Amino acid sequence: MLKAIAIVGPSGSGKTELICRLLDWFAHQGLRVAVLKHTHHCDLGDRGKDTWRFRQAGAPVVALAGPGFLQITRAYPEEPQLAAALAELASGVDLILVEGYKSGSLPKIVVLNPAIKESPPQYTQVIATVSQGPTVGAGPVFQPGEVAAIGALIRAHLGLAESGSARPGLDRPEPCGSD
């Protein structure tokens, strides 16, 4: 069964930072975690580069390989459905963290930042709220630094068993910056 959870909230609320911290925490728990980021931008930032040229020339799949990575881009006639994107990532991972897809059917953790004055939409299937300040949210409310508690909630909600030890030889880069 596919195990995925969405991290949602306004731009600048801290979603990316939370995901990076959760990635590190889950890696220490011995779990392999993929990330799917939803975007409304069509530009991959490689305009004029070889990969962009290959896509413009009609290649339905373009891959970029280098030391320690393989990045694959598939062309679709329209935006792929969430289920199709998750299916592409599911192989070989225990969990998928999704940044965005706020109207999707996944269980959600809402990230709020009191400095952002815009009111977040009413999300469905909210299991928790993460906020840097006082807030009322669906489910338990966590501070952004309570990564272990948030990770434990995700594990419990998705039925991911405790593993007891980290995977040997798992290289973990430093957590990434904010969104």
Protein backbone atom coordinates (compact mmCIF):
# COMPACT_ATOMS: atom_id res chain seq x y z
CA MET A 1 0.00 0.00 0.00
CA LEU A 2 1.26 3.46 -0.92
CA LYS A 3 2.31 5.56 2.08
CA ALA A 4 2.20 9.30 1.37
CA ILE A 5 1.39 12.49 3.24
CA ALA A 6 1.12 16.08 2.01
CA ILE A 7 2.82 19.03 3.67
CA VAL A 8 0.77 22.11 2.74
CA GLY A 9 0.61 25.81 3.57
CA PRO A 10 1.19 29.27 2.13
CA SER A 11 4.42 30.11 0.28
CA GLY A 12 7.16 30.98 2.77
CA SER A 13 5.52 29.15 5.66
CA GLY A 14 8.37 26.67 6.15
CA LYS A 15 7.15 23.61 4.24
CA THR A 16 10.49 22.89 2.56
CA GLU A 17 12.45 23.30 5.80
CA LEU A 18 10.10 20.92 7.61
CA ILE A 19 10.39 18.34 4.83
CA CYS A 20 14.19 18.56 4.92
CA ARG A 21 14.22 18.04 8.68
CA LEU A 22 11.78 15.15 8.39
CA LEU A 23 13.96 13.57 5.68
CA ASP A 24 16.91 13.62 8.05
CA TRP A 25 14.83 12.26 10.95
CA PHE A 26 13.29 9.47 8.84
CA ALA A 27 16.74 8.52 7.49
CA HIS A 28 17.94 8.13 11.08
CA GLN A 29 14.92 5.86 11.62
CA GLY A 30 16.03 3.67 8.70
CA LEU A 31 13.29 4.73 6.29
CA ARG A 32 13.79 5.59 2.64
CA VAL A 33 11.69 8.63 1.78
CA ALA A 34 10.92 10.18 -1.61
CA VAL A 35 9.66 13.73 -2.08
CA LEU A 36 7.19 15.03 -4.66
CA LYS A 37 6.97 18.80 -5.02
CA HIS A 38 3.94 20.21 -6.78
CA THR A 39 4.51 23.36 -8.80
CA HIS A 40 2.50 25.60 -11.05
CA HIS A 41 5.65 26.64 -12.97
CA CYS A 42 6.48 24.94 -16.26
CA ASP A 43 10.11 26.11 -16.37
CA LEU A 44 12.60 23.63 -14.89
CA GLY A 45 15.34 26.26 -14.82
CA ASP A 46 17.35 24.65 -17.61
CA ARG A 47 16.24 26.86 -20.52
CA GLY A 48 18.83 26.67 -23.31
CA LYS A 49 20.63 23.69 -21.72
CA ASP A 50 20.89 20.27 -23.36
CA THR A 51 18.04 18.72 -21.37
CA TRP A 52 15.71 21.60 -22.32
CA ARG A 53 16.74 21.28 -25.97
CA PHE A 54 16.00 17.54 -25.93
CA ARG A 55 12.51 18.18 -24.53
CA GLN A 56 11.90 20.94 -27.09
CA ALA A 57 12.96 18.54 -29.84
CA GLY A 58 10.25 16.10 -28.73
CA ALA A 59 11.88 13.56 -26.43
CA PRO A 60 9.09 12.24 -24.16
CA VAL A 61 11.63 11.22 -21.49
CA VAL A 62 14.89 13.02 -20.75
CA ALA A 63 17.36 11.88 -18.10
CA LEU A 64 20.33 13.60 -16.55
CA ALA A 65 22.85 11.38 -14.76
CA GLY A 66 25.86 12.40 -12.74
CA PRO A 67 27.89 11.33 -9.74
CA GLY A 68 25.36 10.04 -7.22
CA PHE A 69 22.14 11.00 -9.02
CA LEU A 70 19.72 10.23 -11.84
CA GLN A 71 17.06 12.81 -12.67
CA ILE A 72 14.28 11.84 -15.07
CA THR A 73 11.76 14.17 -16.69
CA ARG A 74 8.72 12.70 -18.47
CA ALA A 75 6.54 14.73 -20.83
CA TYR A 76 2.77 14.60 -20.31
CA PRO A 77 0.09 16.23 -22.47
CA GLU A 78 -1.31 17.85 -19.30
CA GLU A 79 -0.50 17.90 -15.59
CA PRO A 80 -0.15 14.34 -14.32
CA GLN A 81 -2.63 13.18 -11.73
CA LEU A 82 -1.32 12.90 -8.17
CA ALA A 83 -1.77 9.12 -8.20
CA ALA A 84 0.36 8.79 -11.35
CA ALA A 85 3.13 10.95 -9.89
CA LEU A 86 3.13 8.96 -6.64
CA ALA A 87 3.23 5.66 -8.55
CA GLU A 88 6.37 6.84 -10.38
CA LEU A 89 8.10 7.45 -7.04
CA ALA A 90 6.84 4.49 -5.01
CA SER A 91 9.40 1.90 -6.04
CA GLY A 92 12.06 1.32 -3.40
CA VAL A 93 10.78 3.81 -0.82
CA ASP A 94 8.89 3.44 2.44
CA LEU A 95 7.18 6.83 2.37
CA ILE A 96 6.55 9.77 0.06
CA LEU A 97 6.38 13.31 1.43
CA VAL A 98 4.45 15.60 -0.89
CA GLU A 99 4.94 19.36 -0.84
CA GLY A 100 1.74 20.83 -2.14
CA TYR A 101 -1.27 19.20 -3.78
CA LYS A 102 -3.30 21.08 -1.17
CA SER A 103 -6.61 20.04 -2.71
CA GLY A 104 -5.56 16.41 -3.16
CA SER A 105 -6.90 13.44 -1.24
CA LEU A 106 -3.79 12.75 0.86
CA PRO A 107 -3.71 13.27 4.61
CA LYS A 108 -2.16 16.68 5.29
CA ILE A 109 0.04 18.51 7.73
CA VAL A 110 -0.59 22.25 7.49
CA VAL A 111 2.42 24.54 8.04
CA LEU A 112 1.61 28.10 9.11
CA ASN A 113 3.79 31.13 9.79
CA PRO A 114 2.12 33.94 11.77
CA ALA A 115 4.23 36.49 9.83
CA ILE A 116 2.30 35.56 6.68
CA LYS A 117 -0.94 37.48 6.86
CA GLU A 118 -2.83 35.62 4.13
CA SER A 119 -5.49 33.27 5.44
CA PRO A 120 -4.81 29.68 4.43
CA PRO A 121 -7.59 27.85 2.63
CA GLN A 122 -9.69 25.30 4.45
CA TYR A 123 -7.78 22.07 3.83
CA THR A 124 -9.37 18.63 3.94
CA GLN A 125 -7.94 15.57 5.72
CA VAL A 126 -5.72 17.59 8.08
CA ILE A 127 -4.01 15.42 10.68
CA ALA A 128 -1.85 18.12 12.31
CA THR A 129 -0.76 21.75 12.18
CA VAL A 130 2.77 23.13 12.49
CA SER A 131 3.09 26.77 13.48
CA GLN A 132 5.80 29.11 14.74
CA GLY A 133 3.24 30.94 16.83
CA PRO A 134 -0.02 30.34 18.64
CA THR A 135 -2.71 28.88 16.43
CA VAL A 136 -5.75 26.69 16.47
CA GLY A 137 -5.53 23.88 14.01
CA ALA A 138 -7.00 20.53 13.17
CA GLY A 139 -5.40 17.70 15.10
CA PRO A 140 -2.38 18.31 17.30
CA VAL A 141 -0.41 21.56 16.88
CA PHE A 142 3.40 21.35 16.78
CA GLN A 143 6.22 23.87 16.79
CA PRO A 144 8.49 23.58 13.69
CA GLY A 145 11.35 22.18 15.80
CA GLU A 146 9.29 19.23 17.09
CA VAL A 147 10.45 17.06 14.20
CA ALA A 148 10.59 13.78 16.15
CA ALA A 149 7.00 14.23 17.35
CA ILE A 150 5.82 15.16 13.84
CA GLY A 151 7.68 12.19 12.36
CA ALA A 152 6.21 9.85 14.97
CA LEU A 153 2.72 11.14 14.17
CA ILE A 154 3.30 10.48 10.44
CA ARG A 155 4.59 6.96 11.18
CA ALA A 156 1.58 6.20 13.37
CA HIS A 157 -0.94 7.70 10.94
CA LEU A 158 0.45 5.76 7.96
CA GLY A 159 1.08 2.55 9.89
CA LEU A 160 4.85 2.58 9.37
CA ALA A 161 6.38 0.15 11.86
CA GLU A 162 9.26 1.15 14.08
CA SER A 163 12.48 -0.14 12.53
CA GLY A 164 14.84 0.14 15.49
CA SER A 165 17.99 1.19 13.64
CA ALA A 166 19.17 3.28 10.73
CA ARG A 167 20.17 1.66 7.49
CA PRO A 168 23.93 1.10 7.43
CA GLY A 169 25.92 3.24 5.04
CA LEU A 170 23.07 5.66 4.39
CA ASP A 171 24.59 8.97 3.34
CA ARG A 172 22.55 11.95 4.48
CA PRO A 173 23.32 15.44 3.23
CA GLU A 174 22.74 18.39 5.53
CA PRO A 175 19.08 19.45 5.77
CA CYS A 176 18.20 21.91 3.01
CA GLY A 177 17.21 25.57 3.32
CA SER A 178 13.83 27.19 3.64
CA ASP A 179 11.21 27.54 0.89
